[in-house]
C-alpha atoms as a PDB file:
ATOM      1  CA  MET A   1       0.077   0.073  -0.130  1.00  0.00           C
ATOM      2  CA  SER A   2       1.402   3.411  -0.904  1.00  0.00           C
ATOM      3  CA  ALA A   3       0.654   6.895   0.681  1.00  0.00           C
ATOM      4  CA  ASN A   4      -0.642  10.099  -1.024  1.00  0.00           C
ATOM      5  CA  ILE A   5       2.495  12.887  -0.594  1.00  0.00           C
ATOM      6  CA  TYR A   6       1.228  16.329  -0.784  1.00  0.00           C
ATOM      7  CA  THR A   7       3.267  19.386  -0.693  1.00  0.00           C
ATOM      8  CA  ILE A   8       1.388  22.877   0.141  1.00  0.00           C
ATOM      9  CA  GLU A   9       2.283  24.001  -3.271  1.00  0.00           C
ATOM     10  CA  ASN A  10      -0.186  21.212  -4.776  1.00  0.00           C
ATOM     11  CA  LEU A  11      -2.554  21.655  -2.362  1.00  0.00           C
ATOM     12  CA  LEU A  12      -2.919  25.367  -3.210  1.00  0.00           C
ATOM     13  CA  LEU A  13      -3.266  24.931  -6.706  1.00  0.00           C
ATOM     14  CA  GLY A  14      -7.044  25.338  -7.592  1.00  0.00           C
ATOM     15  CA  LYS A  15      -8.166  27.067  -4.366  1.00  0.00           C
ATOM     16  CA  HIS A  16     -10.099  30.015  -4.498  1.00  0.00           C
ATOM     17  CA  TYR A  17      -8.250  33.401  -3.132  1.00  0.00           C
ATOM     18  CA  ARG A  18     -10.078  36.747  -2.183  1.00  0.00           C
ATOM     19  CA  SER A  19      -8.842  39.730  -0.834  1.00  0.00           C
ATOM     20  CA  ASN A  20     -10.325  43.561  -1.153  1.00  0.00           C
ATOM     21  CA  THR A  21      -8.471  43.732  -4.542  1.00  0.00           C
ATOM     22  CA  LEU A  22      -8.338  40.464  -6.275  1.00  0.00           C
ATOM     23  CA  GLU A  23     -10.469  37.431  -6.669  1.00  0.00           C
ATOM     24  CA  GLY A  24      -9.512  34.408  -8.498  1.00  0.00           C
ATOM     25  CA  GLU A  25      -8.028  30.595  -8.500  1.00  0.00           C
ATOM     26  CA  ILE A  26      -4.669  30.080  -7.214  1.00  0.00           C
ATOM     27  CA  VAL A  27      -3.025  29.119 -10.522  1.00  0.00           C
ATOM     28  CA  SER A  28       0.709  28.195  -9.360  1.00  0.00           C
ATOM     29  CA  ALA A  29       2.492  28.422  -6.073  1.00  0.00           C
ATOM     30  CA  GLU A  30       5.996  28.332  -4.265  1.00  0.00           C
ATOM     31  CA  LYS A  31       7.747  28.913  -1.322  1.00  0.00           C
ATOM     32  CA  ASP A  32       8.883  32.645  -0.568  1.00  0.00           C
ATOM     33  CA  PRO A  33      11.589  32.668   1.860  1.00  0.00           C
ATOM     34  CA  ARG A  34      11.497  36.933   1.284  1.00  0.00           C
ATOM     35  CA  ALA A  35       8.635  37.363   2.856  1.00  0.00           C
ATOM     36  CA  THR A  36       7.936  37.627   6.551  1.00  0.00           C
ATOM     37  CA  PHE A  37       4.905  36.767   8.534  1.00  0.00           C
ATOM     38  CA  TYR A  38       5.228  37.297  11.954  1.00  0.00           C
ATOM     39  CA  GLY A  39       3.955  34.150  13.883  1.00  0.00           C
ATOM     40  CA  MET A  40       4.912  30.847  14.835  1.00  0.00           C
ATOM     41  CA  ASN A  41       4.846  28.198  12.463  1.00  0.00           C
ATOM     42  CA  ILE A  42       3.725  30.584   9.141  1.00  0.00           C
ATOM     43  CA  GLU A  43       5.459  29.985   5.923  1.00  0.00           C
ATOM     44  CA  SER A  44       5.187  32.510   3.244  1.00  0.00           C
ATOM     45  CA  TYR A  45       4.183  31.371  -0.295  1.00  0.00           C
ATOM     46  CA  LEU A  46       4.214  33.599  -3.315  1.00  0.00           C
ATOM     47  CA  VAL A  47       0.890  32.785  -5.344  1.00  0.00           C
ATOM     48  CA  GLU A  48      -0.571  33.749  -8.903  1.00  0.00           C
ATOM     49  CA  ILE A  49      -4.241  34.177  -9.566  1.00  0.00           C
ATOM     50  CA  GLY A  50      -6.528  34.022 -12.378  1.00  0.00           C
ATOM     51  CA  SER A  51      -5.695  33.968 -16.045  1.00  0.00           C
ATOM     52  CA  ASP A  52      -4.189  37.243 -16.012  1.00  0.00           C
ATOM     53  CA  ARG A  53      -1.592  35.515 -13.321  1.00  0.00           C
ATOM     54  CA  LYS A  54      -1.799  38.592 -10.364  1.00  0.00           C
ATOM     55  CA  VAL A  55       0.717  37.631  -7.851  1.00  0.00           C
ATOM     56  CA  ARG A  56       0.163  37.993  -4.164  1.00  0.00           C
ATOM     57  CA  THR A  57       2.134  36.712  -1.178  1.00  0.00           C
ATOM     58  CA  ILE A  58       0.038  34.690   1.164  1.00  0.00           C
ATOM     59  CA  GLY A  59       0.987  33.088   4.812  1.00  0.00           C
ATOM     60  CA  VAL A  60       0.218  29.500   5.453  1.00  0.00           C
ATOM     61  CA  LYS A  61       0.056  27.867   8.993  1.00  0.00           C
ATOM     62  CA  VAL A  62       2.025  25.033   9.164  1.00  0.00           C
ATOM     63  CA  GLY A  63       1.896  23.649  12.390  1.00  0.00           C
ATOM     64  CA  GLU A  64       0.048  23.978  16.204  1.00  0.00           C
END
């Protein structure tokens, strides 16, 4: 029996993104070491949204 292995990038793909200025589907995601979210267990990801591929940085909680 094999286990399904997922990455955060794969789990973000296809998810709906909504902010005050942009709404759409996440079409690509990659870890972004440049941005910093202040809080425990939060990683930064650079995501592209929609067909016009606007870029945003989001924080993802990765632990308890």
